[in-house]
Amino acid sequence: MSPFNVTKMSPVALTQKQVVAVNALANGLPVEKVALLAEVSKRTVLRWKKMDIFQAELKRARHSVAKASIEIIRESKESVFQDSRNALKLLLGKSFKVLNEIIDNPEAAERDKLKAIDTIGNWLGVKYMNEVNTAIEMLESRGFRVVVEVEDVKHLGNEMN
């Protein structure tokens, strides 16, 4: 199996050695290494590079390599993000367990219990929602009418997940 991304050639055929050279060049190898792989001289590779058909195939191969590279990068990013999300979910689960143990521990200091409760509230957005509710109450007490559409706050639930 070749370590290079291999592209299909156009109907105008290149020799097998030229195909090897095209794929090696498209994958970024220097002319010296391309010549070794194709089992030709460096001078031959340089001569091939001047040929229109070789240049056309090289351009096509480079495009193919670029597309494949972009796809690999995209898949890698998605994988890394998914791994991070999974690790974060696991960590949050453990963190909630520890905080709940502190809250439920009869020997824990009240200060520690209150801090654990405050932390959970912050994580769940309770503090934010209390601030919003306080602001709404203040506006309504001054004669303003506040209407919150469900569509306007749906994204808040998604951000917390």
N, C-alpha and C. Protein backbone atom coordinates (compact mmCIF):
# COMPACT_ATOMS: atom_id res chain seq x y z
N MET A 1 0.85 -1.18 0.00
CA MET A 1 0.00 0.00 0.00
C MET A 1 0.89 1.24 0.00
N SER A 2 0.64 2.14 -0.90
CA SER A 2 1.44 3.35 -1.03
C SER A 2 1.13 4.33 0.11
N PRO A 3 2.14 5.02 0.63
CA PRO A 3 1.89 6.00 1.68
C PRO A 3 1.31 7.30 1.14
N PHE A 4 1.11 7.37 -0.16
CA PHE A 4 0.64 8.60 -0.79
C PHE A 4 -0.83 8.50 -1.13
N ASN A 5 -1.48 9.67 -1.15
CA ASN A 5 -2.83 9.73 -1.70
C ASN A 5 -2.67 9.59 -3.20
N VAL A 6 -3.34 8.61 -3.78
CA VAL A 6 -3.21 8.34 -5.20
C VAL A 6 -4.44 8.84 -5.91
N THR A 7 -4.24 9.49 -7.02
CA THR A 7 -5.35 10.03 -7.79
C THR A 7 -5.50 9.27 -9.10
N LYS A 8 -6.71 9.25 -9.63
CA LYS A 8 -6.94 8.61 -10.92
C LYS A 8 -6.36 9.52 -12.00
N MET A 9 -5.78 8.93 -12.99
CA MET A 9 -5.19 9.69 -14.08
C MET A 9 -6.23 9.91 -15.17
N SER A 10 -5.99 10.93 -15.97
CA SER A 10 -6.88 11.22 -17.09
C SER A 10 -6.66 10.18 -18.18
N PRO A 11 -7.55 10.15 -19.18
CA PRO A 11 -7.42 9.16 -20.26
C PRO A 11 -6.08 9.23 -20.99
N VAL A 12 -5.47 10.42 -21.06
CA VAL A 12 -4.17 10.53 -21.70
C VAL A 12 -3.16 9.94 -20.73
N ALA A 13 -2.61 8.80 -21.09
CA ALA A 13 -1.82 8.01 -20.13
C ALA A 13 -0.41 8.55 -19.96
N LEU A 14 0.01 8.49 -18.72
CA LEU A 14 1.40 8.71 -18.38
C LEU A 14 2.00 7.33 -18.16
N THR A 15 3.29 7.25 -18.19
CA THR A 15 3.93 5.97 -17.89
C THR A 15 3.77 5.69 -16.40
N GLN A 16 3.99 4.46 -16.01
CA GLN A 16 3.87 4.09 -14.60
C GLN A 16 4.84 4.90 -13.75
N LYS A 17 6.04 5.13 -14.26
CA LYS A 17 7.03 5.91 -13.52
C LYS A 17 6.58 7.36 -13.37
N GLN A 18 5.93 7.89 -14.40
CA GLN A 18 5.41 9.26 -14.32
C GLN A 18 4.26 9.35 -13.31
N VAL A 19 3.44 8.31 -13.26
CA VAL A 19 2.34 8.28 -12.28
C VAL A 19 2.92 8.29 -10.86
N VAL A 20 3.95 7.50 -10.63
CA VAL A 20 4.62 7.48 -9.33
C VAL A 20 5.15 8.88 -9.01
N ALA A 21 5.78 9.51 -9.99
CA ALA A 21 6.35 10.84 -9.79
C ALA A 21 5.26 11.87 -9.49
N VAL A 22 4.16 11.82 -10.24
CA VAL A 22 3.05 12.75 -10.01
C VAL A 22 2.54 12.62 -8.58
N ASN A 23 2.28 11.39 -8.16
CA ASN A 23 1.73 11.18 -6.82
C ASN A 23 2.72 11.59 -5.73
N ALA A 24 3.98 11.32 -5.93
CA ALA A 24 4.99 11.70 -4.94
C ALA A 24 5.12 13.22 -4.86
N LEU A 25 5.15 13.89 -6.00
CA LEU A 25 5.23 15.35 -6.01
C LEU A 25 3.98 15.97 -5.38
N ALA A 26 2.81 15.41 -5.71
CA ALA A 26 1.55 15.93 -5.17
C ALA A 26 1.51 15.81 -3.65
N ASN A 27 2.21 14.83 -3.12
CA ASN A 27 2.25 14.63 -1.68
C ASN A 27 3.40 15.38 -1.01
N GLY A 28 4.10 16.22 -1.79
CA GLY A 28 5.08 17.12 -1.21
C GLY A 28 6.50 16.63 -1.12
N LEU A 29 6.82 15.52 -1.76
CA LEU A 29 8.20 15.04 -1.71
C LEU A 29 9.10 15.89 -2.61
N PRO A 30 10.36 16.07 -2.21
CA PRO A 30 11.30 16.81 -3.06
C PRO A 30 11.68 15.98 -4.29
N VAL A 31 12.14 16.67 -5.30
CA VAL A 31 12.47 16.04 -6.58
C VAL A 31 13.45 14.88 -6.40
N GLU A 32 14.42 15.03 -5.51
CA GLU A 32 15.41 13.97 -5.30
C GLU A 32 14.74 12.66 -4.87
N LYS A 33 13.82 12.76 -3.92
CA LYS A 33 13.13 11.55 -3.44
C LYS A 33 12.17 11.02 -4.49
N VAL A 34 11.54 11.92 -5.23
CA VAL A 34 10.64 11.50 -6.31
C VAL A 34 11.42 10.68 -7.33
N ALA A 35 12.60 11.15 -7.68
CA ALA A 35 13.43 10.43 -8.65
C ALA A 35 13.78 9.04 -8.14
N LEU A 36 14.11 8.92 -6.86
CA LEU A 36 14.41 7.61 -6.29
C LEU A 36 13.20 6.68 -6.34
N LEU A 37 12.04 7.21 -5.96
CA LEU A 37 10.82 6.39 -5.98
C LEU A 37 10.45 5.95 -7.39
N ALA A 38 10.60 6.86 -8.34
CA ALA A 38 10.22 6.55 -9.73
C ALA A 38 11.32 5.79 -10.46
N GLU A 39 12.45 5.63 -9.79
CA GLU A 39 13.60 4.94 -10.37
C GLU A 39 14.07 5.58 -11.67
N VAL A 40 14.17 6.93 -11.61
CA VAL A 40 14.68 7.71 -12.74
C VAL A 40 15.63 8.76 -12.16
N SER A 41 16.27 9.50 -13.05
CA SER A 41 17.17 10.54 -12.58
C SER A 41 16.38 11.79 -12.18
N LYS A 42 17.03 12.62 -11.40
CA LYS A 42 16.43 13.90 -11.01
C LYS A 42 16.16 14.73 -12.26
N ARG A 43 17.07 14.66 -13.19
CA ARG A 43 16.94 15.41 -14.45
C ARG A 43 15.68 14.99 -15.21
N THR A 44 15.38 13.67 -15.19
CA THR A 44 14.18 13.17 -15.88
C THR A 44 12.92 13.74 -15.22
N VAL A 45 12.89 13.75 -13.90
CA VAL A 45 11.73 14.31 -13.20
C VAL A 45 11.56 15.79 -13.56
N LEU A 46 12.65 16.53 -13.57
CA LEU A 46 12.59 17.95 -13.93
C LEU A 46 12.10 18.14 -15.37
N ARG A 47 12.50 17.25 -16.25
CA ARG A 47 12.04 17.31 -17.64
C ARG A 47 10.54 17.02 -17.71
N TRP A 48 10.09 16.00 -16.96
CA TRP A 48 8.66 15.67 -16.94
C TRP A 48 7.83 16.85 -16.43
N LYS A 49 8.37 17.54 -15.43
CA LYS A 49 7.64 18.66 -14.84
C LYS A 49 7.37 19.78 -15.85
N LYS A 50 8.13 19.81 -16.93
CA LYS A 50 7.93 20.83 -17.97
C LYS A 50 6.85 20.44 -18.98
N MET A 51 6.43 19.18 -18.94
CA MET A 51 5.43 18.69 -19.90
C MET A 51 4.03 19.12 -19.47
N ASP A 52 3.24 19.60 -20.44
CA ASP A 52 1.88 20.06 -20.13
C ASP A 52 1.03 18.95 -19.52
N ILE A 53 1.08 17.75 -20.10
CA ILE A 53 0.25 16.65 -19.60
C ILE A 53 0.66 16.28 -18.17
N PHE A 54 1.95 16.30 -17.90
CA PHE A 54 2.45 16.00 -16.56
C PHE A 54 1.97 17.07 -15.58
N GLN A 55 2.07 18.34 -15.99
CA GLN A 55 1.61 19.44 -15.15
C GLN A 55 0.11 19.35 -14.87
N ALA A 56 -0.67 18.97 -15.89
CA ALA A 56 -2.11 18.83 -15.72
C ALA A 56 -2.42 17.73 -14.70
N GLU A 57 -1.74 16.60 -14.83
CA GLU A 57 -1.96 15.49 -13.89
C GLU A 57 -1.47 15.85 -12.49
N LEU A 58 -0.37 16.59 -12.42
CA LEU A 58 0.15 17.02 -11.13
C LEU A 58 -0.84 17.96 -10.45
N LYS A 59 -1.41 18.87 -11.21
CA LYS A 59 -2.41 19.79 -10.67
C LYS A 59 -3.62 19.01 -10.15
N ARG A 60 -4.07 18.04 -10.93
CA ARG A 60 -5.22 17.22 -10.54
C ARG A 60 -4.89 16.42 -9.27
N ALA A 61 -3.70 15.87 -9.22
CA ALA A 61 -3.29 15.08 -8.06
C ALA A 61 -3.16 15.96 -6.81
N ARG A 62 -2.60 17.15 -6.96
CA ARG A 62 -2.48 18.06 -5.81
C ARG A 62 -3.85 18.45 -5.28
N HIS A 63 -4.79 18.67 -6.21
CA HIS A 63 -6.15 19.00 -5.80
C HIS A 63 -6.75 17.84 -5.01
N SER A 64 -6.53 16.64 -5.49
CA SER A 64 -7.04 15.45 -4.81
C SER A 64 -6.43 15.30 -3.41
N VAL A 65 -5.14 15.52 -3.31
CA VAL A 65 -4.45 15.43 -2.03
C VAL A 65 -4.97 16.51 -1.08
N ALA A 66 -5.18 17.72 -1.60
CA ALA A 66 -5.69 18.81 -0.76
C ALA A 66 -7.08 18.48 -0.23
N LYS A 67 -7.94 17.96 -1.11
CA LYS A 67 -9.30 17.59 -0.67
C LYS A 67 -9.25 16.50 0.39
N ALA A 68 -8.43 15.50 0.17
CA ALA A 68 -8.31 14.41 1.14
C ALA A 68 -7.76 14.92 2.47
N SER A 69 -6.81 15.83 2.40
CA SER A 69 -6.22 16.39 3.62
C SER A 69 -7.25 17.19 4.41
N ILE A 70 -8.04 17.98 3.70
CA ILE A 70 -9.09 18.77 4.36
C ILE A 70 -10.08 17.84 5.04
N GLU A 71 -10.46 16.77 4.39
CA GLU A 71 -11.40 15.81 4.97
C GLU A 71 -10.81 15.15 6.21
N ILE A 72 -9.55 14.79 6.15
CA ILE A 72 -8.89 14.18 7.31
C ILE A 72 -8.84 15.16 8.48
N ILE A 73 -8.52 16.41 8.19
CA ILE A 73 -8.47 17.43 9.24
C ILE A 73 -9.86 17.63 9.85
N ARG A 74 -10.88 17.69 9.00
CA ARG A 74 -12.25 17.88 9.48
C ARG A 74 -12.65 16.72 10.39
N GLU A 75 -12.39 15.51 9.95
CA GLU A 75 -12.74 14.33 10.76
C GLU A 75 -11.95 14.31 12.07
N SER A 76 -10.70 14.72 12.02
CA SER A 76 -9.88 14.76 13.23
C SER A 76 -10.42 15.79 14.22
N LYS A 77 -10.81 16.97 13.70
CA LYS A 77 -11.38 17.99 14.57
C LYS A 77 -12.65 17.49 15.24
N GLU A 78 -13.53 16.86 14.44
CA GLU A 78 -14.77 16.34 14.99
C GLU A 78 -14.49 15.30 16.07
N SER A 79 -13.52 14.45 15.82
CA SER A 79 -13.17 13.42 16.79
C SER A 79 -12.63 14.03 18.08
N VAL A 80 -11.77 15.03 17.95
CA VAL A 80 -11.21 15.69 19.13
C VAL A 80 -12.31 16.38 19.92
N PHE A 81 -13.22 17.07 19.23
CA PHE A 81 -14.31 17.75 19.93
C PHE A 81 -15.21 16.74 20.63
N GLN A 82 -15.50 15.63 19.97
CA GLN A 82 -16.35 14.61 20.60
C GLN A 82 -15.65 14.02 21.82
N ASP A 83 -14.36 13.75 21.70
CA ASP A 83 -13.60 13.23 22.84
C ASP A 83 -13.63 14.23 24.00
N SER A 84 -13.49 15.52 23.68
CA SER A 84 -13.51 16.55 24.72
C SER A 84 -14.88 16.62 25.39
N ARG A 85 -15.94 16.56 24.58
CA ARG A 85 -17.29 16.59 25.14
C ARG A 85 -17.52 15.38 26.05
N ASN A 86 -17.08 14.22 25.62
CA ASN A 86 -17.25 13.01 26.44
C ASN A 86 -16.48 13.13 27.75
N ALA A 87 -15.25 13.62 27.67
CA ALA A 87 -14.44 13.79 28.88
C ALA A 87 -15.08 14.81 29.82
N LEU A 88 -15.62 15.88 29.26
CA LEU A 88 -16.27 16.91 30.07
C LEU A 88 -17.52 16.36 30.75
N LYS A 89 -18.32 15.57 30.02
CA LYS A 89 -19.51 14.96 30.61
C LYS A 89 -19.13 14.07 31.79
N LEU A 90 -18.09 13.27 31.60
CA LEU A 90 -17.62 12.38 32.67
C LEU A 90 -17.15 13.19 33.88
N LEU A 91 -16.39 14.24 33.61
CA LEU A 91 -15.87 15.09 34.68
C LEU A 91 -17.01 15.79 35.42
N LEU A 92 -18.00 16.29 34.68
CA LEU A 92 -19.14 16.94 35.31
C LEU A 92 -19.92 15.97 36.19
N GLY A 93 -20.09 14.75 35.70
CA GLY A 93 -20.78 13.73 36.49
C GLY A 93 -20.07 13.48 37.81
N LYS A 94 -18.75 13.34 37.74
CA LYS A 94 -17.96 13.12 38.95
C LYS A 94 -18.03 14.34 39.88
N SER A 95 -17.98 15.53 39.27
CA SER A 95 -18.02 16.76 40.06
C SER A 95 -19.35 16.90 40.79
N PHE A 96 -20.45 16.62 40.09
CA PHE A 96 -21.76 16.69 40.74
C PHE A 96 -21.84 15.68 41.89
N LYS A 97 -21.27 14.51 41.69
CA LYS A 97 -21.30 13.49 42.73
C LYS A 97 -20.56 13.99 43.97
N VAL A 98 -19.38 14.58 43.78
CA VAL A 98 -18.60 15.10 44.90
C VAL A 98 -19.36 16.22 45.61
N LEU A 99 -19.94 17.13 44.82
CA LEU A 99 -20.69 18.23 45.42
C LEU A 99 -21.90 17.72 46.20
N ASN A 100 -22.59 16.73 45.65
CA ASN A 100 -23.73 16.14 46.37
C ASN A 100 -23.29 15.46 47.66
N GLU A 101 -22.13 14.80 47.63
CA GLU A 101 -21.61 14.17 48.84
C GLU A 101 -21.32 15.21 49.92
N ILE A 102 -20.79 16.36 49.50
CA ILE A 102 -20.53 17.43 50.46
C ILE A 102 -21.84 17.93 51.06
N ILE A 103 -22.82 18.15 50.21
CA ILE A 103 -24.12 18.66 50.67
C ILE A 103 -24.78 17.67 51.64
N ASP A 104 -24.68 16.38 51.34
CA ASP A 104 -25.35 15.35 52.14
C ASP A 104 -24.55 14.92 53.38
N ASN A 105 -23.31 15.34 53.47
CA ASN A 105 -22.45 14.92 54.58
C ASN A 105 -22.80 15.71 55.85
N PRO A 106 -23.31 15.02 56.88
CA PRO A 106 -23.68 15.73 58.11
C PRO A 106 -22.47 16.33 58.85
N GLU A 107 -21.28 15.84 58.55
CA GLU A 107 -20.08 16.35 59.22
C GLU A 107 -19.43 17.51 58.46
N ALA A 108 -19.92 17.81 57.26
CA ALA A 108 -19.33 18.90 56.47
C ALA A 108 -19.73 20.24 57.07
N ALA A 109 -18.81 21.20 56.99
CA ALA A 109 -19.09 22.54 57.49
C ALA A 109 -20.19 23.18 56.65
N GLU A 110 -21.01 24.01 57.30
CA GLU A 110 -22.10 24.68 56.59
C GLU A 110 -21.55 25.53 55.44
N ARG A 111 -20.40 26.17 55.67
CA ARG A 111 -19.76 26.98 54.63
C ARG A 111 -19.47 26.14 53.39
N ASP A 112 -18.98 24.91 53.58
CA ASP A 112 -18.67 24.02 52.46
C ASP A 112 -19.95 23.58 51.75
N LYS A 113 -21.00 23.31 52.53
CA LYS A 113 -22.27 22.91 51.93
C LYS A 113 -22.85 24.04 51.09
N LEU A 114 -22.81 25.27 51.64
CA LEU A 114 -23.34 26.42 50.90
C LEU A 114 -22.53 26.68 49.63
N LYS A 115 -21.22 26.52 49.71
CA LYS A 115 -20.37 26.70 48.52
C LYS A 115 -20.71 25.65 47.46
N ALA A 116 -20.94 24.39 47.89
CA ALA A 116 -21.31 23.33 46.95
C ALA A 116 -22.65 23.63 46.30
N ILE A 117 -23.61 24.10 47.11
CA ILE A 117 -24.93 24.46 46.57
C ILE A 117 -24.80 25.61 45.58
N ASP A 118 -24.01 26.62 45.93
CA ASP A 118 -23.80 27.77 45.05
C ASP A 118 -23.14 27.34 43.74
N THR A 119 -22.16 26.45 43.83
CA THR A 119 -21.47 25.95 42.63
C THR A 119 -22.44 25.22 41.71
N ILE A 120 -23.25 24.34 42.27
CA ILE A 120 -24.23 23.61 41.45
C ILE A 120 -25.21 24.60 40.82
N GLY A 121 -25.66 25.56 41.61
CA GLY A 121 -26.58 26.58 41.08
C GLY A 121 -25.98 27.35 39.92
N ASN A 122 -24.71 27.72 40.06
CA ASN A 122 -24.04 28.43 38.96
C ASN A 122 -23.94 27.56 37.72
N TRP A 123 -23.58 26.30 37.91
CA TRP A 123 -23.44 25.39 36.77
C TRP A 123 -24.77 25.19 36.06
N LEU A 124 -25.83 25.16 36.82
CA LEU A 124 -27.15 24.92 36.22
C LEU A 124 -27.80 26.20 35.73
N GLY A 125 -27.18 27.33 35.96
CA GLY A 125 -27.73 28.59 35.48
C GLY A 125 -28.77 29.18 36.42
N VAL A 126 -28.91 28.61 37.62
CA VAL A 126 -29.91 29.10 38.57
C VAL A 126 -29.63 30.55 38.95
N LYS A 127 -28.37 30.85 39.20
CA LYS A 127 -28.01 32.22 39.58
C LYS A 127 -28.37 33.18 38.46
N TYR A 128 -28.07 32.81 37.23
CA TYR A 128 -28.39 33.65 36.07
C TYR A 128 -29.89 33.85 35.97
N MET A 129 -30.65 32.76 36.12
CA MET A 129 -32.10 32.85 36.01
C MET A 129 -32.67 33.70 37.14
N ASN A 130 -32.12 33.61 38.35
CA ASN A 130 -32.57 34.45 39.46
C ASN A 130 -32.32 35.92 39.15
N GLU A 131 -31.16 36.23 38.57
CA GLU A 131 -30.85 37.62 38.20
C GLU A 131 -31.82 38.12 37.14
N VAL A 132 -32.15 37.27 36.17
CA VAL A 132 -33.10 37.64 35.12
C VAL A 132 -34.48 37.87 35.74
N ASN A 133 -34.90 36.96 36.61
CA ASN A 133 -36.21 37.12 37.26
C ASN A 133 -36.26 38.39 38.11
N THR A 134 -35.19 38.70 38.81
CA THR A 134 -35.13 39.92 39.62
C THR A 134 -35.24 41.15 38.73
N ALA A 135 -34.54 41.13 37.59
CA ALA A 135 -34.61 42.26 36.66
C ALA A 135 -36.02 42.41 36.09
N ILE A 136 -36.66 41.29 35.76
CA ILE A 136 -38.04 41.34 35.24
C ILE A 136 -38.98 41.91 36.30
N GLU A 137 -38.85 41.45 37.54
CA GLU A 137 -39.69 41.95 38.63
C GLU A 137 -39.49 43.45 38.83
N MET A 138 -38.24 43.91 38.74
CA MET A 138 -37.95 45.33 38.90
C MET A 138 -38.61 46.14 37.78
N LEU A 139 -38.49 45.66 36.54
CA LEU A 139 -39.12 46.36 35.42
C LEU A 139 -40.63 46.40 35.57
N GLU A 140 -41.21 45.27 35.95
CA GLU A 140 -42.67 45.21 36.11
C GLU A 140 -43.13 46.12 37.25
N SER A 141 -42.32 46.24 38.31
CA SER A 141 -42.69 47.11 39.43
C SER A 141 -42.67 48.58 39.02
N ARG A 142 -41.97 48.89 37.95
CA ARG A 142 -41.90 50.27 37.45
C ARG A 142 -42.90 50.52 36.33
N GLY A 143 -43.78 49.54 36.12
CA GLY A 143 -44.86 49.74 35.15
C GLY A 143 -44.59 49.19 33.76
N PHE A 144 -43.47 48.55 33.55
CA PHE A 144 -43.18 47.95 32.25
C PHE A 144 -43.81 46.56 32.19
N ARG A 145 -44.19 46.19 30.99
CA ARG A 145 -44.72 44.84 30.78
C ARG A 145 -43.63 44.04 30.07
N VAL A 146 -43.21 42.93 30.65
CA VAL A 146 -42.15 42.10 30.08
C VAL A 146 -42.77 40.83 29.54
N VAL A 147 -42.53 40.56 28.26
CA VAL A 147 -43.03 39.35 27.62
C VAL A 147 -41.82 38.57 27.11
N VAL A 148 -41.72 37.34 27.55
CA VAL A 148 -40.62 36.48 27.11
C VAL A 148 -41.22 35.37 26.26
N GLU A 149 -40.83 35.35 25.01
CA GLU A 149 -41.30 34.31 24.09
C GLU A 149 -40.48 33.05 24.30
N VAL A 150 -41.13 31.91 24.24
CA VAL A 150 -40.43 30.63 24.42
C VAL A 150 -39.32 30.48 23.39
N GLU A 151 -39.57 30.92 22.16
CA GLU A 151 -38.56 30.80 21.10
C GLU A 151 -37.30 31.59 21.44
N ASP A 152 -37.47 32.70 22.18
CA ASP A 152 -36.33 33.54 22.52
C ASP A 152 -35.39 32.89 23.53
N VAL A 153 -35.89 31.96 24.33
CA VAL A 153 -35.05 31.37 25.38
C VAL A 153 -34.74 29.90 25.15
N LYS A 154 -35.19 29.34 24.03
CA LYS A 154 -34.89 27.93 23.76
C LYS A 154 -33.39 27.68 23.71
N HIS A 155 -32.64 28.62 23.14
CA HIS A 155 -31.19 28.42 23.01
C HIS A 155 -30.51 28.33 24.36
N LEU A 156 -31.10 28.90 25.41
CA LEU A 156 -30.47 28.83 26.73
C LEU A 156 -30.38 27.40 27.22
N GLY A 157 -31.44 26.63 26.99
CA GLY A 157 -31.41 25.22 27.38
C GLY A 157 -30.37 24.45 26.60
N ASN A 158 -30.20 24.78 25.32
CA ASN A 158 -29.20 24.09 24.50
C ASN A 158 -27.79 24.41 24.95
N GLU A 159 -27.56 25.64 25.40
CA GLU A 159 -26.23 26.03 25.84
C GLU A 159 -25.83 25.30 27.12
N MET A 160 -26.82 24.93 27.93
CA MET A 160 -26.51 24.26 29.18
C MET A 160 -26.25 22.78 28.98
N ASN A 161 -26.62 22.22 27.84
CA ASN A 161 -26.43 20.78 27.60
C ASN A 161 -25.07 20.48 27.07
